[in-house]
């Protein structure tokens, strides 16, 4: 929406988004109506359209951004401090537990199926999510380099991209089969390969 929101307005908008996210997780995107969201968030139609003038699609994009932020938030504090091999193992466990708990339903994926990646802002959410995620992994790898546990010549960006691709590939199979075996294998192997690179440090 245009214009700046007051602190109260920001809080109300956030409450609507979080409430909508909860409803969408429970009922699914295709089955959720604005009435469902208004009932959950105790808002009127005029209030809802005040914060989301374009209606349901605009709200869904906002919820998609919320879900994208949640993907990274759920990995904290480990994703933000990958400065030891123990921290990497803890992060690995958190990632696997998160996606096993999610199961074969992906809220973010369902949202994009509904609104379409061509909807203004939708593709940018995915691009920014992947950029932030990969950069967090790269920062962790650089921390290990700074600690002398990985060689300085290691291609950090390529390693971070490969780890992210391993996660996404494993999650895609999990969403198709309901099984986390491939996610576990891909992430474990990616970190193992990273540790083997560290064995080359004098």
Protein backbone atom coordinates (compact mmCIF):
# COMPACT_ATOMS: atom_id res chain seq x y z
CA UNK A 1 0.00 0.00 0.00
CA UNK A 2 1.12 3.57 -0.61
CA UNK A 3 2.16 5.98 2.14
CA UNK A 4 3.89 5.38 5.42
CA UNK A 5 2.22 3.39 8.15
CA UNK A 6 2.17 4.37 11.79
CA UNK A 7 3.61 1.94 14.33
CA UNK A 8 0.06 0.80 15.07
CA UNK A 9 -0.64 0.41 11.35
CA UNK A 10 2.50 -1.67 10.86
CA UNK A 11 1.51 -3.88 13.77
CA UNK A 12 -1.98 -4.36 12.36
CA UNK A 13 -0.65 -5.19 8.91
CA UNK A 14 1.80 -7.70 10.38
CA UNK A 15 -0.99 -9.27 12.44
CA UNK A 16 -3.10 -9.71 9.31
CA UNK A 17 -0.20 -11.28 7.42
CA UNK A 18 0.67 -13.68 10.22
CA UNK A 19 -2.97 -14.61 10.72
CA UNK A 20 -3.41 -15.17 6.99
CA UNK A 21 -0.29 -17.35 6.95
CA UNK A 22 -1.75 -19.51 9.72
CA UNK A 23 -5.06 -19.93 7.89
CA UNK A 24 -3.33 -20.75 4.61
CA UNK A 25 -1.22 -23.41 6.31
CA UNK A 26 -4.33 -24.99 7.84
CA UNK A 27 -6.75 -24.81 4.91
CA UNK A 28 -4.53 -24.48 1.87
CA UNK A 29 -4.30 -21.56 -0.52
CA UNK A 30 -7.08 -22.61 -2.87
CA UNK A 31 -9.59 -23.21 -0.05
CA UNK A 32 -8.89 -20.03 1.93
CA UNK A 33 -11.19 -17.05 1.46
CA UNK A 34 -10.86 -13.45 2.56
CA UNK A 35 -13.71 -14.14 4.98
CA UNK A 36 -11.59 -16.85 6.61
CA UNK A 37 -8.72 -14.40 7.01
CA UNK A 38 -10.96 -11.62 8.32
CA UNK A 39 -12.44 -14.01 10.89
CA UNK A 40 -9.01 -15.21 12.06
CA UNK A 41 -7.52 -11.71 12.28
CA UNK A 42 -10.64 -9.92 13.57
CA UNK A 43 -10.54 -7.39 10.75
CA UNK A 44 -13.26 -5.90 8.58
CA UNK A 45 -13.26 -5.94 4.79
CA UNK A 46 -12.60 -2.20 4.68
CA UNK A 47 -9.65 -2.64 7.05
CA UNK A 48 -8.27 -5.51 5.00
CA UNK A 49 -8.44 -3.51 1.78
CA UNK A 50 -6.93 -0.49 3.52
CA UNK A 51 -3.73 -2.47 4.03
CA UNK A 52 -4.01 -4.55 0.84
CA UNK A 53 -5.81 -2.39 -1.76
CA UNK A 54 -5.28 -4.95 -4.56
CA UNK A 55 -7.06 -7.61 -2.52
CA UNK A 56 -6.21 -11.26 -2.08
CA UNK A 57 -3.28 -11.42 -4.52
CA UNK A 58 -1.51 -8.55 -2.78
CA UNK A 59 -2.08 -10.21 0.58
CA UNK A 60 -0.79 -13.52 -0.76
CA UNK A 61 2.42 -11.84 -1.95
CA UNK A 62 2.87 -10.35 1.52
CA UNK A 63 2.32 -13.78 3.08
CA UNK A 64 4.83 -15.25 0.62
CA UNK A 65 7.40 -12.73 1.85
CA UNK A 66 6.56 -13.69 5.44
CA UNK A 67 6.99 -17.39 4.65
CA UNK A 68 10.28 -16.71 2.84
CA UNK A 69 11.60 -14.83 5.86
CA UNK A 70 10.43 -17.70 8.06
CA UNK A 71 12.53 -20.19 6.06
CA UNK A 72 15.68 -18.41 7.22
CA UNK A 73 14.40 -17.54 10.67
CA UNK A 74 13.70 -21.22 11.38
CA UNK A 75 17.40 -21.96 10.82
CA UNK A 76 18.61 -19.50 13.43
CA UNK A 77 20.71 -19.08 15.43
CA UNK A 78 22.82 -21.70 13.63
CA UNK A 79 22.65 -20.25 10.11
CA UNK A 80 24.01 -16.97 11.46
CA UNK A 81 27.05 -18.46 13.19
CA UNK A 82 28.48 -21.27 11.06
CA UNK A 83 31.95 -20.74 12.48
CA UNK A 84 32.77 -24.32 13.53
CA UNK A 85 32.11 -27.83 12.27
CA UNK A 86 29.89 -28.40 15.30
CA UNK A 87 27.79 -25.39 14.28
CA UNK A 88 27.46 -26.80 10.75
CA UNK A 89 26.25 -30.11 12.15
CA UNK A 90 23.73 -28.34 14.38
CA UNK A 91 22.51 -26.30 11.41
CA UNK A 92 22.18 -29.48 9.34
CA UNK A 93 20.01 -31.06 12.04
CA UNK A 94 17.79 -27.97 12.22
CA UNK A 95 17.28 -27.88 8.45
CA UNK A 96 16.35 -31.55 8.29
CA UNK A 97 13.99 -31.31 11.26
CA UNK A 98 12.31 -28.25 9.78
CA UNK A 99 11.55 -29.93 6.47
CA UNK A 100 10.57 -33.23 8.05
CA UNK A 101 8.08 -31.35 10.22
CA UNK A 102 6.80 -29.51 7.15
CA UNK A 103 6.31 -32.79 5.32
CA UNK A 104 5.04 -32.86 1.76
CA UNK A 105 3.23 -29.52 2.00
CA UNK A 106 5.25 -26.39 1.24
CA UNK A 107 3.42 -23.16 2.18
CA UNK A 108 5.73 -21.01 0.06
CA UNK A 109 5.44 -23.30 -2.95
CA UNK A 110 1.65 -23.42 -2.66
CA UNK A 111 1.49 -19.64 -2.54
CA UNK A 112 3.50 -19.28 -5.72
CA UNK A 113 1.32 -21.84 -7.49
CA UNK A 114 -1.68 -19.67 -6.62
CA UNK A 115 -0.35 -16.21 -7.40
CA UNK A 116 2.05 -17.19 -10.19
CA UNK A 117 5.68 -16.24 -10.38
CA UNK A 118 4.82 -13.50 -12.89
CA UNK A 119 2.84 -11.59 -10.25
CA UNK A 120 4.75 -8.38 -9.47
CA UNK A 121 7.16 -8.99 -6.64
CA UNK A 122 6.67 -12.77 -6.52
CA UNK A 123 9.80 -13.86 -8.37
CA UNK A 124 11.82 -11.22 -6.55
CA UNK A 125 10.88 -12.86 -3.22
CA UNK A 126 12.34 -16.19 -4.32
CA UNK A 127 15.47 -14.59 -5.78
CA UNK A 128 16.09 -12.61 -2.59
CA UNK A 129 15.46 -15.63 -0.38
CA UNK A 130 18.02 -17.70 -2.29
CA UNK A 131 20.51 -14.82 -2.32
CA UNK A 132 20.28 -14.33 1.45
CA UNK A 133 20.44 -18.06 2.12
CA UNK A 134 23.48 -18.59 -0.11
CA UNK A 135 25.22 -15.56 1.34
CA UNK A 136 24.69 -16.87 4.89
CA UNK A 137 26.32 -20.15 3.88
CA UNK A 138 29.17 -18.26 2.20
CA UNK A 139 29.76 -16.22 5.37
CA UNK A 140 29.98 -19.49 7.32
CA UNK A 141 32.51 -20.93 4.90
CA UNK A 142 34.59 -17.75 5.08
CA UNK A 143 34.52 -18.03 8.88
CA UNK A 144 36.09 -21.47 8.60
CA UNK A 145 38.68 -20.09 6.20
CA UNK A 146 39.51 -17.30 8.66
CA UNK A 147 39.93 -19.92 11.40
CA UNK A 148 42.35 -21.87 9.21
CA UNK A 149 40.01 -24.83 8.85
CA UNK A 150 39.50 -24.42 5.11
CA UNK A 151 42.02 -23.44 2.42
CA UNK A 152 42.04 -19.80 1.39
CA UNK A 153 41.85 -20.82 -2.29
CA UNK A 154 38.49 -22.57 -1.83
CA UNK A 155 35.79 -21.21 -4.15
CA UNK A 156 33.38 -20.02 -1.46
CA UNK A 157 30.51 -18.94 -3.69
CA UNK A 158 30.50 -22.20 -5.65
CA UNK A 159 30.53 -24.27 -2.45
CA UNK A 160 27.69 -22.21 -0.96
CA UNK A 161 25.67 -22.51 -4.18
CA UNK A 162 26.21 -26.28 -4.25
CA UNK A 163 25.03 -26.66 -0.65
CA UNK A 164 21.92 -24.63 -1.36
CA UNK A 165 21.23 -26.68 -4.48
CA UNK A 166 21.63 -29.87 -2.44
CA UNK A 167 19.01 -28.65 0.03
CA UNK A 168 16.58 -27.58 -2.66
CA UNK A 169 16.98 -30.85 -4.54
CA UNK A 170 16.43 -32.87 -1.38
CA UNK A 171 13.40 -30.80 -0.43
CA UNK A 172 11.91 -31.24 -3.92
CA UNK A 173 12.14 -35.02 -3.57
CA UNK A 174 10.69 -34.81 -0.05
CA UNK A 175 7.72 -32.83 -1.38
CA UNK A 176 7.15 -35.49 -4.05
CA UNK A 177 7.63 -38.56 -1.87
CA UNK A 178 7.19 -37.47 1.72
CA UNK A 179 10.61 -38.99 2.48
CA UNK A 180 13.60 -37.00 3.77
CA UNK A 181 16.23 -39.62 2.84
CA UNK A 182 17.60 -37.68 -0.11
CA UNK A 183 17.66 -34.39 1.77
CA UNK A 184 19.64 -36.02 4.56
CA UNK A 185 22.06 -37.63 2.10
CA UNK A 186 22.59 -34.52 -0.03
CA UNK A 187 23.17 -32.17 2.90
CA UNK A 188 25.37 -34.61 4.78
CA UNK A 189 27.49 -35.27 1.69
CA UNK A 190 27.81 -31.56 0.96
CA UNK A 191 29.15 -30.83 4.44
CA UNK A 192 31.39 -33.92 4.35
CA UNK A 193 32.91 -32.75 1.06
CA UNK A 194 33.50 -29.35 2.64
CA UNK A 195 35.27 -30.96 5.59
CA UNK A 196 37.44 -33.02 3.25
CA UNK A 197 38.53 -29.78 1.60
CA UNK A 198 39.67 -28.70 5.05
CA UNK A 199 41.96 -31.70 5.32
CA UNK A 200 44.13 -30.10 2.68
CA UNK A 201 44.99 -27.21 5.00
CA UNK A 202 48.64 -27.58 6.16
